[in-house]
Amino acid sequence: MENQNHSSSSINIPNKRYFTIGEASKICDVKAHVLRYWESEFNDLEPIKRKGNRRYYQQKDIILVLQIKDLLQNRGFTIDGARNMITKNQVKTEFSTNNHSIDQIRQDLESILSILKK
């Protein structure tokens, strides 16, 4: 059986500004209805809503969903416990988001460099 312990740094988040709920669902391996439920439970999870109430997740939202998933599914927290952990670790989350962004930029630059070397 595949190891379910994924950290946000081990999952490759495409370099896009916005993701639909379907794309976010696939990246995070969480069903869309679960994402909508988590939005109601976690105040920090606020995807942008546009025409027709369509949700658009940003990279910071994807990273937060991955953290919520880890807390609930891998570490055994309840919704309240996960909410408290996320609230307490808000500074750590911002640091993690910045680290992930830097890693993503590094990967993109390396791929550009390899293309230029050809």
N, C-alpha and C. Protein backbone atom coordinates (compact mmCIF):
# COMPACT_ATOMS: atom_id res chain seq x y z
N MET A 1 0.84 -1.18 0.00
CA MET A 1 0.00 0.00 0.00
C MET A 1 0.88 1.24 0.00
N GLU A 2 0.45 2.27 -0.72
CA GLU A 2 1.24 3.49 -0.86
C GLU A 2 1.30 4.27 0.44
N ASN A 3 2.42 4.88 0.71
CA ASN A 3 2.58 5.69 1.92
C ASN A 3 1.73 6.95 1.81
N GLN A 4 0.85 7.15 2.75
CA GLN A 4 -0.07 8.29 2.72
C GLN A 4 0.49 9.53 3.39
N ASN A 5 1.67 9.45 3.96
CA ASN A 5 2.24 10.58 4.69
C ASN A 5 2.91 11.53 3.71
N HIS A 6 2.13 12.46 3.17
CA HIS A 6 2.65 13.43 2.21
C HIS A 6 2.84 14.77 2.91
N SER A 7 3.97 15.38 2.71
CA SER A 7 4.14 16.75 3.18
C SER A 7 3.94 17.65 1.98
N SER A 8 3.69 18.92 2.24
CA SER A 8 3.46 19.84 1.14
C SER A 8 4.68 19.98 0.26
N SER A 9 5.88 19.71 0.79
CA SER A 9 7.09 19.83 -0.01
C SER A 9 7.29 18.62 -0.92
N SER A 10 6.67 17.47 -0.62
CA SER A 10 6.87 16.29 -1.44
C SER A 10 5.85 16.21 -2.57
N ILE A 11 4.86 17.05 -2.57
CA ILE A 11 3.85 17.06 -3.62
C ILE A 11 4.17 18.21 -4.56
N ASN A 12 4.20 17.92 -5.84
CA ASN A 12 4.52 18.94 -6.82
C ASN A 12 3.26 19.72 -7.15
N ILE A 13 3.21 20.96 -6.71
CA ILE A 13 2.08 21.83 -7.00
C ILE A 13 2.42 22.59 -8.28
N PRO A 14 1.59 22.46 -9.32
CA PRO A 14 1.89 23.16 -10.57
C PRO A 14 2.05 24.66 -10.35
N ASN A 15 2.86 25.26 -11.17
CA ASN A 15 3.15 26.69 -11.03
C ASN A 15 2.05 27.49 -11.71
N LYS A 16 0.91 27.57 -11.05
CA LYS A 16 -0.23 28.33 -11.54
C LYS A 16 -0.67 29.28 -10.44
N ARG A 17 -1.37 30.33 -10.85
CA ARG A 17 -1.87 31.28 -9.86
C ARG A 17 -3.15 30.76 -9.19
N TYR A 18 -4.04 30.19 -9.98
CA TYR A 18 -5.32 29.72 -9.45
C TYR A 18 -5.60 28.29 -9.89
N PHE A 19 -6.31 27.55 -9.01
CA PHE A 19 -6.70 26.18 -9.28
C PHE A 19 -8.20 26.06 -9.05
N THR A 20 -8.89 25.33 -9.92
CA THR A 20 -10.31 25.06 -9.69
C THR A 20 -10.42 24.06 -8.55
N ILE A 21 -11.62 23.87 -8.06
CA ILE A 21 -11.81 22.92 -6.97
C ILE A 21 -11.46 21.50 -7.44
N GLY A 22 -11.71 21.20 -8.71
CA GLY A 22 -11.37 19.89 -9.25
C GLY A 22 -9.86 19.67 -9.29
N GLU A 23 -9.12 20.70 -9.70
CA GLU A 23 -7.66 20.61 -9.73
C GLU A 23 -7.10 20.49 -8.32
N ALA A 24 -7.63 21.29 -7.40
CA ALA A 24 -7.18 21.24 -6.01
C ALA A 24 -7.47 19.85 -5.42
N SER A 25 -8.61 19.31 -5.76
CA SER A 25 -8.99 17.99 -5.28
C SER A 25 -8.00 16.92 -5.75
N LYS A 26 -7.60 16.99 -7.00
CA LYS A 26 -6.64 16.01 -7.55
C LYS A 26 -5.26 16.18 -6.93
N ILE A 27 -4.80 17.41 -6.82
CA ILE A 27 -3.47 17.67 -6.27
C ILE A 27 -3.38 17.16 -4.83
N CYS A 28 -4.42 17.43 -4.05
CA CYS A 28 -4.40 17.10 -2.62
C CYS A 28 -4.94 15.70 -2.32
N ASP A 29 -5.51 15.05 -3.32
CA ASP A 29 -6.11 13.74 -3.14
C ASP A 29 -7.20 13.78 -2.07
N VAL A 30 -8.06 14.79 -2.20
CA VAL A 30 -9.18 15.00 -1.29
C VAL A 30 -10.40 15.31 -2.16
N LYS A 31 -11.53 14.71 -1.87
CA LYS A 31 -12.72 14.93 -2.68
C LYS A 31 -13.21 16.37 -2.54
N ALA A 32 -13.86 16.86 -3.59
CA ALA A 32 -14.31 18.26 -3.64
C ALA A 32 -15.26 18.59 -2.49
N HIS A 33 -16.17 17.67 -2.15
CA HIS A 33 -17.11 17.97 -1.06
C HIS A 33 -16.38 18.10 0.28
N VAL A 34 -15.26 17.39 0.42
CA VAL A 34 -14.46 17.51 1.65
C VAL A 34 -13.80 18.88 1.70
N LEU A 35 -13.30 19.35 0.55
CA LEU A 35 -12.71 20.70 0.50
C LEU A 35 -13.74 21.75 0.89
N ARG A 36 -14.96 21.62 0.36
CA ARG A 36 -16.01 22.59 0.70
C ARG A 36 -16.34 22.53 2.19
N TYR A 37 -16.37 21.33 2.77
CA TYR A 37 -16.63 21.19 4.20
C TYR A 37 -15.50 21.83 5.01
N TRP A 38 -14.26 21.56 4.63
CA TRP A 38 -13.13 22.13 5.35
C TRP A 38 -13.14 23.66 5.30
N GLU A 39 -13.64 24.22 4.20
CA GLU A 39 -13.75 25.69 4.12
C GLU A 39 -14.65 26.22 5.23
N SER A 40 -15.68 25.47 5.57
CA SER A 40 -16.60 25.92 6.62
C SER A 40 -16.00 25.71 8.01
N GLU A 41 -15.04 24.82 8.14
CA GLU A 41 -14.45 24.51 9.44
C GLU A 41 -13.15 25.27 9.72
N PHE A 42 -12.43 25.64 8.68
CA PHE A 42 -11.14 26.31 8.85
C PHE A 42 -11.21 27.70 8.22
N ASN A 43 -11.22 28.73 9.07
CA ASN A 43 -11.37 30.11 8.59
C ASN A 43 -10.24 30.55 7.67
N ASP A 44 -9.05 29.97 7.84
CA ASP A 44 -7.91 30.36 7.01
C ASP A 44 -8.02 29.82 5.58
N LEU A 45 -8.86 28.85 5.37
CA LEU A 45 -9.05 28.28 4.04
C LEU A 45 -10.16 29.05 3.33
N GLU A 46 -9.75 30.03 2.55
CA GLU A 46 -10.70 30.91 1.87
C GLU A 46 -10.36 31.05 0.39
N PRO A 47 -10.79 30.10 -0.43
CA PRO A 47 -10.53 30.27 -1.86
C PRO A 47 -11.31 31.46 -2.40
N ILE A 48 -10.80 32.03 -3.46
CA ILE A 48 -11.47 33.16 -4.10
C ILE A 48 -12.71 32.63 -4.79
N LYS A 49 -13.82 33.36 -4.66
CA LYS A 49 -15.05 32.95 -5.34
C LYS A 49 -15.37 33.98 -6.41
N ARG A 50 -15.65 33.47 -7.61
CA ARG A 50 -15.96 34.34 -8.74
C ARG A 50 -17.34 34.01 -9.26
N LYS A 51 -17.60 34.37 -10.51
CA LYS A 51 -18.91 34.16 -11.12
C LYS A 51 -19.48 32.78 -10.81
N GLY A 52 -20.75 32.75 -10.53
CA GLY A 52 -21.41 31.48 -10.27
C GLY A 52 -20.92 30.79 -9.01
N ASN A 53 -20.29 31.55 -8.11
CA ASN A 53 -19.79 31.02 -6.85
C ASN A 53 -18.69 29.96 -7.06
N ARG A 54 -17.97 30.06 -8.19
CA ARG A 54 -16.87 29.12 -8.46
C ARG A 54 -15.69 29.44 -7.57
N ARG A 55 -15.10 28.38 -7.06
CA ARG A 55 -13.95 28.53 -6.15
C ARG A 55 -12.65 28.44 -6.94
N TYR A 56 -11.72 29.32 -6.58
CA TYR A 56 -10.39 29.29 -7.16
C TYR A 56 -9.38 29.30 -6.02
N TYR A 57 -8.64 28.21 -5.90
CA TYR A 57 -7.65 28.06 -4.84
C TYR A 57 -6.31 28.60 -5.30
N GLN A 58 -5.59 29.23 -4.39
CA GLN A 58 -4.23 29.69 -4.65
C GLN A 58 -3.27 28.66 -4.06
N GLN A 59 -1.97 28.82 -4.36
CA GLN A 59 -1.00 27.86 -3.85
C GLN A 59 -1.01 27.81 -2.32
N LYS A 60 -1.19 28.95 -1.67
CA LYS A 60 -1.23 28.96 -0.20
C LYS A 60 -2.41 28.13 0.31
N ASP A 61 -3.53 28.14 -0.44
CA ASP A 61 -4.68 27.34 -0.05
C ASP A 61 -4.39 25.84 -0.21
N ILE A 62 -3.69 25.49 -1.29
CA ILE A 62 -3.34 24.09 -1.53
C ILE A 62 -2.43 23.58 -0.40
N ILE A 63 -1.45 24.40 -0.03
CA ILE A 63 -0.54 24.01 1.05
C ILE A 63 -1.30 23.85 2.36
N LEU A 64 -2.25 24.74 2.62
CA LEU A 64 -3.06 24.64 3.83
C LEU A 64 -3.91 23.37 3.82
N VAL A 65 -4.50 23.04 2.68
CA VAL A 65 -5.30 21.81 2.57
C VAL A 65 -4.42 20.59 2.85
N LEU A 66 -3.20 20.60 2.32
CA LEU A 66 -2.28 19.47 2.57
C LEU A 66 -1.94 19.37 4.05
N GLN A 67 -1.79 20.49 4.72
CA GLN A 67 -1.51 20.48 6.16
C GLN A 67 -2.72 19.98 6.94
N ILE A 68 -3.90 20.42 6.57
CA ILE A 68 -5.13 19.96 7.23
C ILE A 68 -5.27 18.45 7.04
N LYS A 69 -5.06 18.00 5.82
CA LYS A 69 -5.16 16.56 5.52
C LYS A 69 -4.18 15.77 6.37
N ASP A 70 -2.95 16.26 6.48
CA ASP A 70 -1.94 15.57 7.29
C ASP A 70 -2.36 15.49 8.76
N LEU A 71 -2.86 16.61 9.28
CA LEU A 71 -3.27 16.64 10.69
C LEU A 71 -4.43 15.67 10.95
N LEU A 72 -5.41 15.66 10.05
CA LEU A 72 -6.61 14.84 10.25
C LEU A 72 -6.37 13.36 9.94
N GLN A 73 -5.75 13.07 8.82
CA GLN A 73 -5.66 11.69 8.35
C GLN A 73 -4.41 10.96 8.84
N ASN A 74 -3.30 11.66 8.93
CA ASN A 74 -2.06 10.98 9.29
C ASN A 74 -1.71 11.11 10.77
N ARG A 75 -2.05 12.24 11.36
CA ARG A 75 -1.64 12.47 12.74
C ARG A 75 -2.77 12.29 13.74
N GLY A 76 -3.98 12.00 13.26
CA GLY A 76 -5.08 11.63 14.13
C GLY A 76 -5.76 12.77 14.88
N PHE A 77 -5.62 14.00 14.43
CA PHE A 77 -6.27 15.13 15.09
C PHE A 77 -7.75 15.16 14.75
N THR A 78 -8.53 15.72 15.67
CA THR A 78 -9.93 16.02 15.38
C THR A 78 -9.97 17.33 14.61
N ILE A 79 -11.15 17.70 14.11
CA ILE A 79 -11.30 18.99 13.41
C ILE A 79 -10.88 20.13 14.34
N ASP A 80 -11.39 20.11 15.60
CA ASP A 80 -11.03 21.16 16.55
C ASP A 80 -9.53 21.20 16.83
N GLY A 81 -8.93 20.04 16.99
CA GLY A 81 -7.50 19.96 17.25
C GLY A 81 -6.69 20.49 16.07
N ALA A 82 -7.10 20.12 14.87
CA ALA A 82 -6.40 20.59 13.67
C ALA A 82 -6.56 22.10 13.52
N ARG A 83 -7.76 22.60 13.81
CA ARG A 83 -8.02 24.04 13.74
C ARG A 83 -7.10 24.79 14.71
N ASN A 84 -6.98 24.26 15.93
CA ASN A 84 -6.11 24.88 16.93
C ASN A 84 -4.65 24.85 16.50
N MET A 85 -4.20 23.73 15.96
CA MET A 85 -2.82 23.62 15.50
C MET A 85 -2.53 24.62 14.39
N ILE A 86 -3.47 24.77 13.47
CA ILE A 86 -3.26 25.69 12.36
C ILE A 86 -3.25 27.13 12.86
N THR A 87 -4.12 27.45 13.79
CA THR A 87 -4.15 28.80 14.35
C THR A 87 -2.86 29.11 15.10
N LYS A 88 -2.38 28.16 15.89
CA LYS A 88 -1.14 28.36 16.65
C LYS A 88 0.08 28.44 15.75
N ASN A 89 0.05 27.71 14.65
CA ASN A 89 1.22 27.62 13.78
C ASN A 89 1.11 28.52 12.55
N GLN A 90 0.36 29.61 12.66
CA GLN A 90 0.17 30.49 11.51
C GLN A 90 1.49 31.02 10.98
N VAL A 91 2.42 31.41 11.86
CA VAL A 91 3.72 31.92 11.42
C VAL A 91 4.48 30.81 10.71
N LYS A 92 4.44 29.59 11.26
CA LYS A 92 5.12 28.45 10.65
C LYS A 92 4.53 28.16 9.27
N THR A 93 3.20 28.30 9.13
CA THR A 93 2.55 28.07 7.85
C THR A 93 3.05 29.06 6.81
N GLU A 94 3.17 30.33 7.20
CA GLU A 94 3.66 31.33 6.26
C GLU A 94 5.09 31.00 5.85
N PHE A 95 5.91 30.56 6.78
CA PHE A 95 7.29 30.17 6.50
C PHE A 95 7.30 28.98 5.54
N SER A 96 6.45 27.99 5.80
CA SER A 96 6.35 26.81 4.95
C SER A 96 5.91 27.19 3.54
N THR A 97 4.95 28.11 3.45
CA THR A 97 4.48 28.58 2.15
C THR A 97 5.61 29.24 1.38
N ASN A 98 6.41 30.08 2.06
CA ASN A 98 7.53 30.74 1.42
C ASN A 98 8.57 29.73 0.97
N ASN A 99 8.87 28.74 1.81
CA ASN A 99 9.84 27.70 1.43
C ASN A 99 9.37 26.93 0.20
N HIS A 100 8.08 26.60 0.17
CA HIS A 100 7.55 25.87 -0.98
C HIS A 100 7.66 26.72 -2.24
N SER A 101 7.36 28.02 -2.12
CA SER A 101 7.45 28.92 -3.27
C SER A 101 8.89 28.99 -3.78
N ILE A 102 9.83 29.07 -2.87
CA ILE A 102 11.24 29.11 -3.25
C ILE A 102 11.64 27.82 -3.95
N ASP A 103 11.21 26.68 -3.42
CA ASP A 103 11.51 25.39 -4.05
C ASP A 103 10.91 25.31 -5.46
N GLN A 104 9.69 25.80 -5.60
CA GLN A 104 9.02 25.78 -6.90
C GLN A 104 9.76 26.67 -7.90
N ILE A 105 10.18 27.85 -7.46
CA ILE A 105 10.94 28.76 -8.33
C ILE A 105 12.26 28.12 -8.73
N ARG A 106 12.93 27.48 -7.78
CA ARG A 106 14.20 26.81 -8.07
C ARG A 106 14.00 25.73 -9.13
N GLN A 107 12.96 24.91 -9.00
CA GLN A 107 12.68 23.86 -9.98
C GLN A 107 12.41 24.46 -11.36
N ASP A 108 11.63 25.53 -11.39
CA ASP A 108 11.31 26.18 -12.66
C ASP A 108 12.57 26.74 -13.32
N LEU A 109 13.43 27.37 -12.53
CA LEU A 109 14.66 27.93 -13.07
C LEU A 109 15.59 26.83 -13.58
N GLU A 110 15.66 25.72 -12.87
CA GLU A 110 16.49 24.60 -13.32
C GLU A 110 15.97 24.03 -14.63
N SER A 111 14.67 23.94 -14.77
CA SER A 111 14.12 23.41 -16.04
C SER A 111 14.36 24.40 -17.18
N ILE A 112 14.28 25.69 -16.90
CA ILE A 112 14.58 26.70 -17.93
C ILE A 112 16.05 26.61 -18.33
N LEU A 113 16.91 26.46 -17.33
CA LEU A 113 18.34 26.35 -17.61
C LEU A 113 18.66 25.12 -18.46
N SER A 114 18.02 24.00 -18.18
CA SER A 114 18.28 22.80 -18.97
C SER A 114 17.79 22.98 -20.41
N ILE A 115 16.70 23.72 -20.60
CA ILE A 115 16.22 24.00 -21.95
C ILE A 115 17.20 24.90 -22.69
N LEU A 116 17.72 25.90 -22.00
CA LEU A 116 18.66 26.84 -22.60
C LEU A 116 19.99 26.17 -22.96
N LYS A 117 20.39 25.16 -22.20
CA LYS A 117 21.65 24.46 -22.47
C LYS A 117 21.58 23.59 -23.73
N LYS A 118 20.38 23.24 -24.16
CA LYS A 118 20.22 22.35 -25.33
C LYS A 118 20.58 23.06 -26.60
